[in-house]
């Protein structure tokens, strides 16, 4: 890695925000993955702009992650810089019926703030482990609610370092996709319009959703949530279960016996074990039902 690049980062961002040769196991919800060359922990908008500018100036590969809850990092790790936008870049503010959240704020935190202010519309997000940036990018959803239902606009920075605002329509939301899905633009913050509601009723609804999760999802093991998108006309978990795959195991990467749509890291599996299990599920389901399962999780890193 270019020494001038490192020196510039240290001077502008600050050495306390920079981690060298950091294990991605410490960050991914699967608790797998090799080391990244460099990780920068963003604390403000200026950090994001600086890392973007310097990585382009010195032609250093840049990866932007949030809470790493929907991510598989390969075992050889990541060559380049990881810009992590999570804790430290997670301010949430409320004004009347509007909630504005920096992209590193956990969706569960935003939902909780909404409840505290008696605002309804984000209860579905109370158990989603990702950040606002990741949730907006993939139009995260659960229990009949999606990000697109309440988002007003997002503020983002493009690859030239220019900051823009994008309204709801401009996000081009669809199932687990948005304008940002295949772009390298970086979401800085998002604003949501909610409705006035009763705090106790909102809390009860959140409790109900979270209780359903505890009953139906293997929350006690490292996982990345639902591995696959739902194919049109089918339920993913049902397809996998009816293919007799529940409990199938590759070196500790296991198809959950509680919910077949989840892969769990039960016994120190590697990222490759999880990737191999994903491929086995896709092949088995396709051979039986001629249905192609598309991954919801992202796979990155050196092959």
Protein backbone atom coordinates (compact mmCIF):
# COMPACT_ATOMS: atom_id res chain seq x y z
CA UNK A 1 0.00 0.00 0.00
CA UNK A 2 1.28 3.44 -0.99
CA UNK A 3 3.16 5.13 1.87
CA UNK A 4 2.10 8.63 0.77
CA UNK A 5 -1.52 7.45 0.85
CA UNK A 6 -1.10 6.19 4.43
CA UNK A 7 0.66 9.37 5.50
CA UNK A 8 -2.11 11.52 4.05
CA UNK A 9 -4.78 9.43 5.77
CA UNK A 10 -3.00 9.70 9.11
CA UNK A 11 -2.70 13.47 8.81
CA UNK A 12 -6.24 14.15 7.63
CA UNK A 13 -8.44 11.46 9.18
CA UNK A 14 -6.32 10.71 12.23
CA UNK A 15 -4.39 7.57 13.17
CA UNK A 16 -6.89 6.70 15.94
CA UNK A 17 -9.52 5.95 13.27
CA UNK A 18 -7.24 3.73 11.19
CA UNK A 19 -6.77 -0.03 11.69
CA UNK A 20 -4.03 -1.92 9.85
CA UNK A 21 -4.38 -5.56 8.80
CA UNK A 22 -7.75 -5.77 10.57
CA UNK A 23 -9.55 -9.13 10.75
CA UNK A 24 -13.00 -8.92 9.19
CA UNK A 25 -14.09 -11.63 11.62
CA UNK A 26 -14.34 -8.82 14.15
CA UNK A 27 -16.91 -7.04 12.01
CA UNK A 28 -19.04 -9.48 9.96
CA UNK A 29 -22.14 -10.97 11.54
CA UNK A 30 -21.03 -14.41 10.27
CA UNK A 31 -17.79 -13.99 12.31
CA UNK A 32 -15.76 -15.07 9.29
CA UNK A 33 -13.43 -13.48 6.77
CA UNK A 34 -9.76 -12.69 6.29
CA UNK A 35 -7.97 -9.45 7.03
CA UNK A 36 -8.36 -6.17 5.19
CA UNK A 37 -5.24 -4.15 4.44
CA UNK A 38 -6.66 -1.04 6.02
CA UNK A 39 -9.87 -0.05 7.79
CA UNK A 40 -10.98 3.53 8.39
CA UNK A 41 -13.72 4.14 10.95
CA UNK A 42 -15.69 7.15 9.71
CA UNK A 43 -16.67 9.63 12.42
CA UNK A 44 -18.08 12.42 10.27
CA UNK A 45 -18.91 13.45 6.73
CA UNK A 46 -15.47 14.95 6.22
CA UNK A 47 -13.86 11.55 6.92
CA UNK A 48 -15.94 9.99 4.17
CA UNK A 49 -15.04 12.73 1.69
CA UNK A 50 -11.35 12.50 2.59
CA UNK A 51 -11.09 8.71 2.24
CA UNK A 52 -12.96 8.82 -1.07
CA UNK A 53 -10.69 11.58 -2.40
CA UNK A 54 -7.42 10.00 -1.28
CA UNK A 55 -8.32 6.50 -2.45
CA UNK A 56 -9.02 7.91 -5.90
CA UNK A 57 -5.91 10.10 -5.89
CA UNK A 58 -3.63 7.16 -5.07
CA UNK A 59 -5.67 4.58 -7.03
CA UNK A 60 -6.30 2.45 -3.92
CA UNK A 61 -9.29 0.04 -3.99
CA UNK A 62 -12.07 1.21 -1.65
CA UNK A 63 -14.88 -0.82 -0.08
CA UNK A 64 -17.65 0.85 1.89
CA UNK A 65 -19.47 -1.17 4.56
CA UNK A 66 -21.87 -0.47 7.37
CA UNK A 67 -22.53 -2.97 10.15
CA UNK A 68 -21.35 -5.87 7.93
CA UNK A 69 -24.53 -7.78 8.78
CA UNK A 70 -25.34 -8.72 5.18
CA UNK A 71 -21.84 -9.54 4.11
CA UNK A 72 -19.49 -12.48 3.48
CA UNK A 73 -15.81 -11.59 3.27
CA UNK A 74 -13.72 -14.32 1.65
CA UNK A 75 -11.03 -16.00 3.73
CA UNK A 76 -8.15 -14.30 1.91
CA UNK A 77 -9.53 -10.97 3.01
CA UNK A 78 -9.68 -7.63 1.23
CA UNK A 79 -6.87 -5.93 -0.62
CA UNK A 80 -7.42 -2.23 -0.23
CA UNK A 81 -9.21 0.09 2.17
CA UNK A 82 -12.43 -0.64 4.00
CA UNK A 83 -14.35 2.49 4.97
CA UNK A 84 -16.64 1.45 7.79
CA UNK A 85 -19.64 3.71 8.29
CA UNK A 86 -21.27 2.56 11.48
CA UNK A 87 -20.73 3.48 15.12
CA UNK A 88 -19.46 7.04 15.33
CA UNK A 89 -21.40 8.14 12.25
CA UNK A 90 -24.81 7.35 13.65
CA UNK A 91 -26.54 10.55 14.79
CA UNK A 92 -30.35 10.52 14.74
CA UNK A 93 -32.40 13.73 14.97
CA UNK A 94 -36.15 14.32 15.16
CA UNK A 95 -38.16 17.31 13.95
CA UNK A 96 -41.95 16.98 14.16
CA UNK A 97 -42.76 13.90 12.05
CA UNK A 98 -39.35 13.74 10.40
CA UNK A 99 -36.44 11.57 11.48
CA UNK A 100 -33.04 12.17 9.93
CA UNK A 101 -30.37 9.55 10.51
CA UNK A 102 -26.74 9.38 9.49
CA UNK A 103 -26.04 6.33 7.36
CA UNK A 104 -24.11 4.54 10.12
CA UNK A 105 -27.06 4.51 12.51
CA UNK A 106 -28.51 1.07 13.13
CA UNK A 107 -32.04 0.69 11.83
CA UNK A 108 -33.00 -0.71 15.23
CA UNK A 109 -31.76 2.51 16.85
CA UNK A 110 -33.80 4.67 14.46
CA UNK A 111 -36.90 2.57 15.16
CA UNK A 112 -36.34 2.98 18.91
CA UNK A 113 -35.94 6.76 18.61
CA UNK A 114 -39.16 6.86 16.59
CA UNK A 115 -40.96 4.98 19.37
CA UNK A 116 -39.63 7.36 22.01
CA UNK A 117 -41.05 10.31 20.09
CA UNK A 118 -44.38 8.58 19.42
CA UNK A 119 -43.78 8.16 15.69
CA UNK A 120 -45.05 5.10 13.84
CA UNK A 121 -43.90 3.60 10.54
CA UNK A 122 -40.53 2.03 11.31
CA UNK A 123 -41.58 -0.71 13.71
CA UNK A 124 -40.70 -3.36 11.12
CA UNK A 125 -37.07 -2.23 11.27
CA UNK A 126 -36.66 -2.70 15.02
CA UNK A 127 -35.03 -6.11 14.65
CA UNK A 128 -33.06 -5.56 11.45
CA UNK A 129 -29.34 -5.58 12.35
CA UNK A 130 -28.12 -3.36 9.49
CA UNK A 131 -27.45 0.34 9.22
CA UNK A 132 -29.52 3.04 7.56
CA UNK A 133 -27.10 3.23 4.63
CA UNK A 134 -27.26 -0.49 3.98
CA UNK A 135 -31.00 -0.61 4.59
CA UNK A 136 -31.72 2.19 2.14
CA UNK A 137 -29.38 0.74 -0.48
CA UNK A 138 -31.18 -2.62 -0.45
CA UNK A 139 -34.67 -1.36 0.48
CA UNK A 140 -34.63 -3.49 3.62
CA UNK A 141 -37.95 -4.80 4.83
CA UNK A 142 -39.75 -7.14 7.20
CA UNK A 143 -43.27 -7.91 8.37
CA UNK A 144 -44.92 -6.04 5.52
CA UNK A 145 -42.87 -2.86 5.85
CA UNK A 146 -40.04 -1.56 3.66
CA UNK A 147 -37.69 1.42 3.72
CA UNK A 148 -39.38 2.85 0.63
CA UNK A 149 -42.64 3.33 2.54
CA UNK A 150 -41.39 6.22 4.66
CA UNK A 151 -38.16 7.53 3.12
CA UNK A 152 -38.32 11.14 1.91
CA UNK A 153 -34.79 11.74 0.68
CA UNK A 154 -31.18 10.68 1.07
CA UNK A 155 -28.02 12.73 1.01
CA UNK A 156 -25.12 11.04 -0.76
CA UNK A 157 -21.66 11.65 -2.14
CA UNK A 158 -20.74 10.57 -5.65
CA UNK A 159 -17.39 9.32 -6.91
CA UNK A 160 -16.32 12.86 -7.83
CA UNK A 161 -16.80 14.00 -4.23
CA UNK A 162 -19.96 15.96 -4.98
CA UNK A 163 -22.81 15.82 -2.46
CA UNK A 164 -26.39 15.39 -3.72
CA UNK A 165 -29.91 14.85 -2.42
CA UNK A 166 -32.15 12.19 -3.90
CA UNK A 167 -35.92 12.01 -3.33
CA UNK A 168 -37.93 8.83 -2.85
CA UNK A 169 -38.73 8.41 -6.53
CA UNK A 170 -35.08 8.91 -7.47
CA UNK A 171 -34.15 5.91 -5.30
CA UNK A 172 -35.90 3.65 -7.85
CA UNK A 173 -36.91 1.25 -5.08
CA UNK A 174 -37.87 -2.31 -5.86
CA UNK A 175 -37.62 -5.60 -3.98
CA UNK A 176 -34.26 -5.47 -2.12
CA UNK A 177 -32.88 -2.99 -4.64
CA UNK A 178 -32.47 0.73 -5.14
CA UNK A 179 -30.60 3.33 -7.17
CA UNK A 180 -27.55 2.61 -4.97
CA UNK A 181 -27.48 -1.18 -5.38
CA UNK A 182 -24.94 -1.29 -8.19
CA UNK A 183 -23.24 2.06 -7.65
CA UNK A 184 -20.27 3.22 -5.62
CA UNK A 185 -21.99 6.39 -4.42
CA UNK A 186 -21.97 6.64 -0.61
CA UNK A 187 -25.13 7.42 1.35
CA UNK A 188 -24.44 9.98 4.08
CA UNK A 189 -27.88 10.31 5.69
CA UNK A 190 -31.55 9.63 5.07
CA UNK A 191 -34.77 11.33 6.15
CA UNK A 192 -38.02 9.53 6.96
CA UNK A 193 -41.56 10.87 7.26
CA UNK A 194 -43.53 9.06 9.96
CA UNK A 195 -46.96 9.41 11.53
CA UNK A 196 -47.95 10.33 15.05
CA UNK A 197 -48.85 7.31 17.15
CA UNK A 198 -49.15 6.01 20.69
CA UNK A 199 -45.78 5.15 22.28
CA UNK A 200 -47.14 2.09 24.08
CA UNK A 201 -48.86 0.73 20.98
CA UNK A 202 -45.71 1.26 18.92
CA UNK A 203 -43.64 -0.55 21.55
CA UNK A 204 -46.13 -3.43 21.65
CA UNK A 205 -45.89 -3.81 17.88
CA UNK A 206 -42.08 -3.81 18.04
CA UNK A 207 -42.16 -6.36 20.86
CA UNK A 208 -44.46 -8.57 18.81
CA UNK A 209 -42.16 -8.47 15.78
CA UNK A 210 -39.11 -9.18 17.91
CA UNK A 211 -40.84 -12.07 19.68
CA UNK A 212 -41.70 -13.56 16.30
CA UNK A 213 -38.05 -13.29 15.30
CA UNK A 214 -36.92 -15.05 18.46
CA UNK A 215 -39.36 -17.90 17.81
CA UNK A 216 -38.69 -18.32 14.10
CA UNK A 217 -35.07 -17.27 13.54
CA UNK A 218 -31.78 -18.73 14.87
CA UNK A 219 -30.66 -15.55 16.63
CA UNK A 220 -28.27 -17.40 18.93
CA UNK A 221 -25.75 -18.16 16.18
CA UNK A 222 -23.67 -15.97 13.84
CA UNK A 223 -25.57 -15.48 10.59
CA UNK A 224 -26.39 -12.86 7.99
CA UNK A 225 -30.15 -13.21 8.22
CA UNK A 226 -31.98 -14.33 5.11
CA UNK A 227 -29.34 -15.53 2.67
CA UNK A 228 -31.52 -15.44 -0.45
CA UNK A 229 -34.04 -13.09 -1.96
CA UNK A 230 -37.56 -14.43 -2.21
CA UNK A 231 -38.18 -15.71 -5.76
CA UNK A 232 -41.45 -14.58 -7.29
CA UNK A 233 -44.24 -16.95 -6.36
CA UNK A 234 -42.25 -18.95 -3.80
CA UNK A 235 -41.02 -18.90 -0.21
CA UNK A 236 -37.29 -19.47 -0.04
CA UNK A 237 -37.30 -21.31 3.29
CA UNK A 238 -40.03 -23.62 2.05
CA UNK A 239 -38.12 -24.46 -1.15
CA UNK A 240 -35.00 -25.30 0.85
CA UNK A 241 -36.88 -27.32 3.45
CA UNK A 242 -38.80 -29.30 0.81
CA UNK A 243 -35.47 -30.06 -0.83
CA UNK A 244 -34.58 -31.92 2.40
CA UNK A 245 -31.74 -29.53 3.17
CA UNK A 246 -32.60 -28.44 6.70
CA UNK A 247 -29.64 -29.17 8.93
CA UNK A 248 -27.26 -29.79 6.01
CA UNK A 249 -23.74 -29.05 7.23
CA UNK A 250 -20.42 -28.15 5.63
CA UNK A 251 -17.70 -27.89 8.27
CA UNK A 252 -19.92 -26.01 10.71
CA UNK A 253 -21.81 -23.91 8.16
CA UNK A 254 -25.34 -25.19 8.72
CA UNK A 255 -28.77 -24.65 7.20
CA UNK A 256 -30.77 -23.73 10.27
CA UNK A 257 -33.24 -26.33 11.50
CA UNK A 258 -35.35 -23.45 12.83
CA UNK A 259 -35.56 -21.48 9.57
CA UNK A 260 -34.22 -23.00 6.36
CA UNK A 261 -33.70 -19.56 4.83
CA UNK A 262 -30.87 -18.96 7.32
CA UNK A 263 -27.32 -20.26 7.25
CA UNK A 264 -25.64 -20.23 10.65
CA UNK A 265 -22.01 -20.50 11.66
CA UNK A 266 -22.41 -23.23 14.23
CA UNK A 267 -18.83 -24.45 14.68
CA UNK A 268 -16.19 -22.01 13.46
CA UNK A 269 -16.98 -22.38 9.77
CA UNK A 270 -14.95 -20.46 7.21
CA UNK A 271 -16.34 -18.07 4.64
CA UNK A 272 -15.60 -20.67 1.96
CA UNK A 273 -17.69 -23.23 3.85
CA UNK A 274 -20.61 -20.79 3.81
CA UNK A 275 -20.08 -19.97 0.12
CA UNK A 276 -19.94 -23.71 -0.71
CA UNK A 277 -23.16 -24.28 1.23
CA UNK A 278 -24.87 -21.44 -0.65
CA UNK A 279 -23.83 -23.02 -3.96
CA UNK A 280 -25.10 -26.43 -2.82
CA UNK A 281 -28.48 -24.95 -1.87
CA UNK A 282 -28.78 -23.14 -5.20
CA UNK A 283 -27.90 -26.26 -7.19
CA UNK A 284 -30.21 -28.54 -5.20
CA UNK A 285 -33.22 -26.21 -5.36
CA UNK A 286 -32.71 -25.55 -9.06
CA UNK A 287 -32.45 -29.25 -9.87
CA UNK A 288 -35.66 -29.98 -7.97
CA UNK A 289 -37.81 -26.93 -8.77
CA UNK A 290 -36.03 -25.13 -11.65
CA UNK A 291 -36.02 -22.02 -9.44
CA UNK A 292 -32.88 -19.88 -9.28
CA UNK A 293 -32.14 -18.54 -5.81
CA UNK A 294 -30.42 -15.17 -5.88
CA UNK A 295 -28.32 -14.22 -2.88
CA UNK A 296 -29.34 -11.30 -0.70
CA UNK A 297 -25.96 -11.33 1.07
CA UNK A 298 -22.98 -9.74 -0.67
CA UNK A 299 -19.75 -11.70 -1.17
CA UNK A 300 -16.52 -9.70 -1.39
CA UNK A 301 -12.79 -10.19 -1.07
CA UNK A 302 -9.83 -11.84 -2.71
CA UNK A 303 -10.53 -15.19 -4.37
